[in-house]
Amino acid sequence: MNTNSLLVAQCGGVSCAEIIPQPSDDARRAMQYLRQLEVGIDVSFPSDSLRRLTASEDPDEWRTGLYLTGLLSREEIVSLYSDHNIDAMAKLLAASYLSANFMHSDFEAHAEEHFSTTWKAPTRLAAAAAIEASQVHQLRSSMRELKPQPPRQAGGRIALIVHGTWAAKEVWWRPGGRFWNYVKEHWAHLYDGPSPFIWSGDNAHRARVTAAHDLTEWVARSTSSSVDIIAHSHGGNVCLAAARAGLKINRLILLGTPICREYTVNLRNIASVSNVFSESDWVQRLGSLSNTRFDGRTLGDCHQVSNWLATKNEKGNGPGHSDLHDGGTWIASDLHQLF
């Protein structure tokens, strides 16, 4: 196997003409790779670029690397591991394990063994992935054990933020996080208790379906009279899947949600959908790889559905994927009127 040409794939119908704000050479190479797939060209993506992307401190770049890495076999994924990208690779392995094994009673005890034997991961990577899985597992267990209550001043209403892929441990969406604080200024009914909704964050349809079921249960346990949701990335598809399964949502605000064929909008169960997107967000397009619906960015407009273009972040640049859950982007792009 040529270690510098691991990624070989066929086009899945992705349209890749993007406006990208000063991407790195590796990110630019990733976009070129997708453009070649679009026209049906068999191409290879160099493993050294994948290692650099997954080692990047930029959240959009390491997510780009993980989306592309996820197309590989387990053997190929593990071969990409280095000391520099251990954090991102641990997220990828842990999320996959979480979505498949969360309900097992011996979940934590066998996690490291699973990564060592099933994935044949090096010792350091297996240990890091086991720790990552254990920490997210503990957060999710707390969510299941505690009954979420609407804020006292909310009159029975409740709102929540649903994170996207590989973001279960990130702080921005949880009570006290930066974006949570921004939303709370506008939505007094934003949930502020000890058991916010959390899901595995695995990049798999089965994980999002499981999360949709968990979300429906979370809202039911809250005994709220009405629910509003802001959802980032594939967290939006978790919400759309939940609505297809019967969850009633008053307002749903999607942030960079990949528009995929599996997740259609059930307007019988969602009163209002606001879909926020950015033409500078290449991660959104990667998230709909091979399953793109429409242009992968926007929904069909109607009296219940509207599309909102985020034009700039707080620095005046085109917003990337992670910028969409930043209050500075909302202010700069006049998105605060969505509240």
Protein backbone atom coordinates (compact mmCIF):
# COMPACT_ATOMS: atom_id res chain seq x y z
CA MET A 1 0.00 0.00 0.00
CA ASN A 2 1.32 3.42 -0.92
CA THR A 3 1.21 5.42 2.32
CA ASN A 4 1.15 8.70 0.40
CA SER A 5 -1.97 7.83 -1.57
CA LEU A 6 -4.38 6.28 0.90
CA LEU A 7 -7.57 8.01 -0.07
CA VAL A 8 -9.11 6.76 -3.30
CA ALA A 9 -12.84 7.27 -3.82
CA GLN A 10 -15.55 7.72 -6.42
CA CYS A 11 -17.65 10.86 -6.72
CA GLY A 12 -20.80 10.84 -4.60
CA GLY A 13 -22.52 13.67 -6.45
CA VAL A 14 -20.88 16.48 -4.46
CA SER A 15 -20.77 19.98 -5.89
CA CYS A 16 -17.54 21.54 -4.66
CA ALA A 17 -17.24 25.04 -6.13
CA GLU A 18 -16.62 26.95 -2.93
CA ILE A 19 -15.51 30.35 -1.77
CA ILE A 20 -12.83 29.64 0.82
CA PRO A 21 -11.22 32.41 2.91
CA GLN A 22 -7.44 31.95 2.63
CA PRO A 23 -7.30 28.20 3.23
CA SER A 24 -4.06 26.40 3.98
CA ASP A 25 -2.42 24.48 1.14
CA ASP A 26 -3.79 21.24 2.60
CA ALA A 27 -7.34 22.60 2.84
CA ARG A 28 -7.05 23.88 -0.72
CA ARG A 29 -5.83 20.44 -1.77
CA ALA A 30 -8.87 18.88 -0.07
CA MET A 31 -11.21 21.11 -2.06
CA GLN A 32 -9.39 20.24 -5.28
CA TYR A 33 -9.77 16.57 -4.38
CA LEU A 34 -13.54 16.99 -4.03
CA ARG A 35 -13.79 18.86 -7.33
CA GLN A 36 -12.08 15.93 -9.04
CA LEU A 37 -14.47 13.49 -7.41
CA GLU A 38 -17.35 15.59 -8.70
CA VAL A 39 -16.46 14.86 -12.31
CA GLY A 40 -15.83 11.17 -11.65
CA ILE A 41 -12.03 11.17 -11.63
CA ASP A 42 -10.31 8.48 -9.55
CA VAL A 43 -7.90 10.45 -7.41
CA SER A 44 -5.66 9.91 -4.41
CA PHE A 45 -5.30 12.20 -1.43
CA PRO A 46 -1.82 12.23 0.16
CA SER A 47 -1.57 10.90 3.70
CA ASP A 48 0.91 13.60 4.72
CA SER A 49 -1.77 16.22 3.99
CA LEU A 50 -4.28 14.25 6.07
CA ARG A 51 -1.82 14.11 8.95
CA ARG A 52 -1.28 17.86 8.80
CA LEU A 53 -5.01 18.59 8.58
CA THR A 54 -5.84 16.37 11.55
CA ALA A 55 -2.96 17.92 13.52
CA SER A 56 -4.13 21.48 12.83
CA GLU A 57 -5.30 23.68 15.69
CA ASP A 58 -7.89 25.23 13.37
CA PRO A 59 -11.21 23.43 14.14
CA ASP A 60 -12.38 23.59 10.54
CA GLU A 61 -9.14 22.08 9.25
CA TRP A 62 -8.98 19.14 11.66
CA ARG A 63 -12.64 18.43 10.95
CA THR A 64 -11.85 18.50 7.23
CA GLY A 65 -9.11 15.97 7.91
CA LEU A 66 -11.39 13.73 9.95
CA TYR A 67 -14.19 13.77 7.36
CA LEU A 68 -11.70 12.64 4.71
CA THR A 69 -10.03 10.17 7.06
CA GLY A 70 -13.42 8.64 7.80
CA LEU A 71 -13.58 7.40 4.19
CA LEU A 72 -10.69 5.02 4.85
CA SER A 73 -10.51 1.53 6.29
CA ARG A 74 -9.62 1.05 9.95
CA GLU A 75 -6.12 -0.08 9.01
CA GLU A 76 -5.56 3.00 6.89
CA ILE A 77 -7.00 5.32 9.57
CA VAL A 78 -4.67 3.96 12.25
CA SER A 79 -1.68 4.25 9.89
CA LEU A 80 -2.25 8.02 9.78
CA TYR A 81 -1.70 8.40 13.53
CA SER A 82 1.17 10.55 14.79
CA ASP A 83 2.00 12.24 18.07
CA HIS A 84 0.87 15.51 16.50
CA ASN A 85 -2.67 14.47 15.56
CA ILE A 86 -3.46 12.23 18.54
CA ASP A 87 -6.25 14.51 19.84
CA ALA A 88 -8.24 14.51 16.59
CA MET A 89 -7.67 10.80 15.93
CA ALA A 90 -8.81 9.97 19.47
CA LYS A 91 -12.04 11.92 18.83
CA LEU A 92 -12.67 9.91 15.65
CA LEU A 93 -12.15 6.52 17.31
CA ALA A 94 -13.99 7.44 20.50
CA ALA A 95 -17.09 8.78 18.71
CA SER A 96 -17.32 5.61 16.64
CA TYR A 97 -17.10 3.45 19.77
CA LEU A 98 -19.60 5.60 21.64
CA SER A 99 -22.29 5.32 18.99
CA ALA A 100 -21.99 1.54 18.86
CA ASN A 101 -21.44 0.64 22.52
CA PHE A 102 -23.03 3.27 24.75
CA MET A 103 -25.66 0.97 26.25
CA HIS A 104 -23.22 -1.83 27.10
CA SER A 105 -22.73 -2.29 30.86
CA ASP A 106 -18.99 -2.92 30.41
CA PHE A 107 -18.57 0.09 28.14
CA GLU A 108 -15.62 1.77 29.87
CA ALA A 109 -13.84 -1.39 30.99
CA HIS A 110 -13.40 -2.69 27.44
CA ALA A 111 -12.87 0.57 25.52
CA GLU A 112 -9.06 0.51 25.45
CA GLU A 113 -9.03 -3.20 24.63
CA HIS A 114 -11.43 -2.51 21.74
CA PHE A 115 -9.13 0.11 20.25
CA SER A 116 -6.07 -2.12 20.68
CA THR A 117 -7.58 -5.30 19.24
CA THR A 118 -10.34 -4.26 16.83
CA TRP A 119 -8.65 -1.13 15.54
CA LYS A 120 -5.10 -2.38 16.20
CA ALA A 121 -4.30 1.13 17.37
CA PRO A 122 -0.89 1.95 18.88
CA THR A 123 -0.85 1.98 22.69
CA ARG A 124 -0.86 5.79 23.08
CA LEU A 125 -3.72 6.25 20.61
CA ALA A 126 -5.76 3.43 22.18
CA ALA A 127 -5.32 4.98 25.64
CA ALA A 128 -6.20 8.49 24.43
CA ALA A 129 -9.30 7.25 22.60
CA ALA A 130 -10.43 5.31 25.69
CA ILE A 131 -10.08 8.41 27.87
CA GLU A 132 -11.99 10.50 25.33
CA ALA A 133 -14.78 7.91 25.15
CA SER A 134 -14.97 7.63 28.93
CA GLN A 135 -15.27 11.38 29.44
CA VAL A 136 -18.07 11.76 26.89
CA HIS A 137 -19.76 8.65 28.31
CA GLN A 138 -19.81 10.23 31.77
CA LEU A 139 -21.36 13.43 30.40
CA ARG A 140 -24.04 11.46 28.57
CA SER A 141 -24.76 9.31 31.63
CA SER A 142 -25.37 12.47 33.64
CA MET A 143 -27.77 13.70 30.96
CA ARG A 144 -29.78 10.47 31.21
CA GLU A 145 -29.84 10.40 35.01
CA LEU A 146 -30.94 13.98 35.69
CA LYS A 147 -34.31 15.45 34.75
CA PRO A 148 -33.85 18.70 32.80
CA GLN A 149 -36.07 21.52 34.02
CA PRO A 150 -37.01 24.69 32.10
CA PRO A 151 -35.46 27.85 33.57
CA ARG A 152 -37.76 29.29 36.23
CA GLN A 153 -38.26 32.57 34.36
CA ALA A 154 -39.18 30.81 31.08
CA GLY A 155 -42.86 30.09 31.75
CA GLY A 156 -42.56 26.40 30.92
CA ARG A 157 -40.68 26.95 27.66
CA ILE A 158 -37.21 25.55 27.08
CA ALA A 159 -34.46 26.12 24.52
CA LEU A 160 -31.26 24.21 23.92
CA ILE A 161 -28.15 24.15 21.75
CA VAL A 162 -27.32 20.89 19.98
CA HIS A 163 -23.67 20.36 19.08
CA GLY A 164 -22.40 18.72 15.91
CA THR A 165 -19.89 16.03 14.93
CA TRP A 166 -16.91 15.43 17.25
CA ALA A 167 -18.00 18.32 19.51
CA ALA A 168 -19.37 16.47 22.55
CA LYS A 169 -16.60 17.70 24.86
CA GLU A 170 -16.41 21.24 23.51
CA VAL A 171 -17.47 24.03 25.84
CA TRP A 172 -19.10 26.60 23.55
CA TRP A 173 -22.54 24.91 23.53
CA ARG A 174 -22.77 24.09 27.25
CA PRO A 175 -23.99 26.38 30.07
CA GLY A 176 -21.27 28.96 30.64
CA GLY A 177 -19.73 28.48 27.19
CA ARG A 178 -19.12 31.47 24.96
CA PHE A 179 -21.91 30.86 22.44
CA TRP A 180 -24.25 29.66 25.18
CA ASN A 181 -23.70 32.98 26.99
CA TYR A 182 -24.48 34.92 23.82
CA VAL A 183 -27.71 33.00 23.19
CA LYS A 184 -28.76 33.28 26.84
CA GLU A 185 -28.72 37.08 26.53
CA HIS A 186 -31.52 36.76 23.95
CA TRP A 187 -33.28 33.57 25.03
CA ALA A 188 -34.02 33.57 28.77
CA HIS A 189 -35.51 30.09 28.36
CA LEU A 190 -32.17 28.56 27.25
CA TYR A 191 -31.52 25.50 29.40
CA ASP A 192 -29.04 26.30 32.18
CA GLY A 193 -29.08 23.15 34.29
CA PRO A 194 -26.52 20.38 34.95
CA SER A 195 -27.64 17.90 32.27
CA PRO A 196 -27.59 19.55 28.82
CA PHE A 197 -28.37 17.35 25.83
CA ILE A 198 -25.28 15.60 24.49
CA TRP A 199 -24.77 12.91 21.85
CA SER A 200 -21.84 10.80 20.65
CA GLY A 201 -20.90 13.14 17.79
CA ASP A 202 -20.03 10.20 15.56
CA ASN A 203 -20.07 10.88 11.82
CA ALA A 204 -22.59 8.15 11.06
CA HIS A 205 -26.28 8.03 10.23
CA ARG A 206 -26.96 5.45 12.97
CA ALA A 207 -25.40 7.78 15.55
CA ARG A 208 -27.66 10.65 14.49
CA VAL A 209 -30.75 8.42 14.57
CA THR A 210 -29.84 7.28 18.10
CA ALA A 211 -29.26 10.90 19.09
CA ALA A 212 -32.66 11.87 17.66
CA HIS A 213 -34.30 9.29 19.93
CA ASP A 214 -32.30 10.58 22.92
CA LEU A 215 -33.24 14.17 22.10
CA THR A 216 -36.93 13.26 22.01
CA GLU A 217 -36.58 11.61 25.42
CA TRP A 218 -34.66 14.60 26.83
CA VAL A 219 -37.39 17.04 25.78
CA ALA A 220 -40.11 14.73 27.14
CA ARG A 221 -38.37 14.48 30.52
CA SER A 222 -38.11 18.27 30.69
CA THR A 223 -41.94 18.58 30.82
CA SER A 224 -41.59 21.81 28.84
CA SER A 225 -44.55 23.29 27.01
CA SER A 226 -42.49 24.35 23.98
CA VAL A 227 -38.94 23.78 22.70
CA ASP A 228 -36.69 26.03 20.59
CA ILE A 229 -33.37 24.66 19.28
CA ILE A 230 -30.19 26.07 17.79
CA ALA A 231 -28.24 23.23 16.20
CA HIS A 232 -24.78 23.30 14.66
CA SER A 233 -23.62 21.11 11.78
CA HIS A 234 -24.93 17.52 11.95
CA GLY A 235 -26.63 18.44 15.22
CA GLY A 236 -29.22 19.98 12.90
CA ASN A 237 -29.76 16.63 11.23
CA VAL A 238 -30.24 15.06 14.66
CA CYS A 239 -33.09 17.54 15.17
CA LEU A 240 -34.57 16.94 11.71
CA ALA A 241 -34.50 13.18 12.35
CA ALA A 242 -36.18 13.71 15.73
CA ALA A 243 -38.93 15.78 14.09
CA ARG A 244 -39.47 13.05 11.49
CA ALA A 245 -39.92 10.64 14.41
CA GLY A 246 -42.48 12.88 16.12
CA LEU A 247 -40.69 15.52 18.20
CA LYS A 248 -42.55 18.84 18.14
CA ILE A 249 -40.18 21.81 17.71
CA ASN A 250 -41.33 25.41 17.82
CA ARG A 251 -38.27 27.14 16.34
CA LEU A 252 -35.29 25.37 14.79
CA ILE A 253 -32.20 27.37 13.79
CA LEU A 254 -29.69 25.38 11.75
CA LEU A 255 -26.05 26.52 11.63
CA GLY A 256 -23.98 25.08 8.79
CA THR A 257 -26.03 21.88 8.77
CA PRO A 258 -25.09 19.59 5.84
CA ILE A 259 -28.23 19.27 3.74
CA CYS A 260 -28.50 15.54 3.11
CA ARG A 261 -31.05 13.26 1.48
CA GLU A 262 -31.61 11.27 4.67
CA TYR A 263 -32.87 14.26 6.67
CA THR A 264 -35.90 16.02 5.23
CA VAL A 265 -37.87 18.76 6.96
CA ASN A 266 -41.16 17.67 8.55
CA LEU A 267 -43.09 20.93 8.74
CA ARG A 268 -45.97 19.22 10.51
CA ASN A 269 -43.72 18.97 13.55
CA ILE A 270 -41.54 22.07 13.13
CA ALA A 271 -43.28 25.44 13.22
CA SER A 272 -40.31 27.44 11.88
CA VAL A 273 -36.91 26.62 10.36
CA SER A 274 -34.14 29.21 9.86
CA ASN A 275 -31.19 27.77 7.94
CA VAL A 276 -27.95 29.74 8.42
CA PHE A 277 -25.12 29.03 5.97
CA SER A 278 -21.88 30.57 4.74
CA GLU A 279 -20.34 30.32 1.30
CA SER A 280 -16.96 30.15 3.06
CA ASP A 281 -17.90 27.02 5.01
CA TRP A 282 -16.32 24.05 3.25
CA VAL A 283 -16.91 21.69 6.19
CA GLN A 284 -20.67 21.82 5.60
CA ARG A 285 -20.12 20.41 2.10
CA LEU A 286 -17.84 17.67 3.38
CA GLY A 287 -20.52 16.72 5.88
CA SER A 288 -22.95 15.90 3.08
CA LEU A 289 -20.40 13.93 1.07
CA SER A 290 -22.12 11.39 -1.23
CA ASN A 291 -25.59 12.22 0.16
CA THR A 292 -26.02 15.84 -0.86
CA ARG A 293 -29.54 17.20 -1.21
CA PHE A 294 -30.08 20.32 -3.32
CA ASP A 295 -26.81 22.31 -3.15
CA GLY A 296 -25.90 20.88 0.24
CA ARG A 297 -26.25 24.30 1.84
CA THR A 298 -29.78 25.62 1.54
CA LEU A 299 -33.38 24.47 1.93
CA GLY A 300 -36.37 25.35 -0.21
CA ASP A 301 -37.92 28.60 1.02
CA CYS A 302 -41.55 28.74 2.11
CA HIS A 303 -43.55 30.53 4.77
CA GLN A 304 -42.09 28.21 7.44
CA VAL A 305 -38.53 27.91 6.06
CA SER A 306 -36.01 30.68 5.44
CA ASN A 307 -32.32 30.70 4.47
CA TRP A 308 -29.91 33.17 6.06
CA LEU A 309 -26.50 33.90 4.53
CA ALA A 310 -23.77 34.63 7.08
CA THR A 311 -21.54 37.10 5.27
CA LYS A 312 -18.73 37.83 7.74
CA ASN A 313 -17.30 36.91 11.09
CA GLU A 314 -16.18 39.37 13.74
CA LYS A 315 -12.87 39.89 11.88
CA GLY A 316 -14.72 40.79 8.68
CA ASN A 317 -13.82 37.57 6.84
CA GLY A 318 -16.15 35.00 5.35
CA PRO A 319 -17.36 32.80 8.24
CA GLY A 320 -16.03 29.29 8.46
CA HIS A 321 -17.93 26.36 9.92
CA SER A 322 -16.95 27.04 13.54
CA ASP A 323 -17.56 30.79 13.16
CA LEU A 324 -21.27 30.08 12.83
CA HIS A 325 -21.50 29.33 16.55
CA ASP A 326 -19.78 32.56 17.54
CA GLY A 327 -21.71 35.60 18.74
CA GLY A 328 -19.34 37.91 16.85
CA THR A 329 -20.40 36.33 13.56
CA TRP A 330 -24.07 36.68 14.49
CA ILE A 331 -23.63 40.39 15.18
CA ALA A 332 -21.47 41.07 12.10
CA SER A 333 -23.88 39.18 9.83
CA ASP A 334 -27.06 40.62 11.41
CA LEU A 335 -28.16 37.17 12.51
CA HIS A 336 -29.19 38.40 15.95
CA GLN A 337 -32.54 39.33 14.41
CA LEU A 338 -33.29 35.58 14.35
CA PHE A 339 -33.99 35.82 18.07
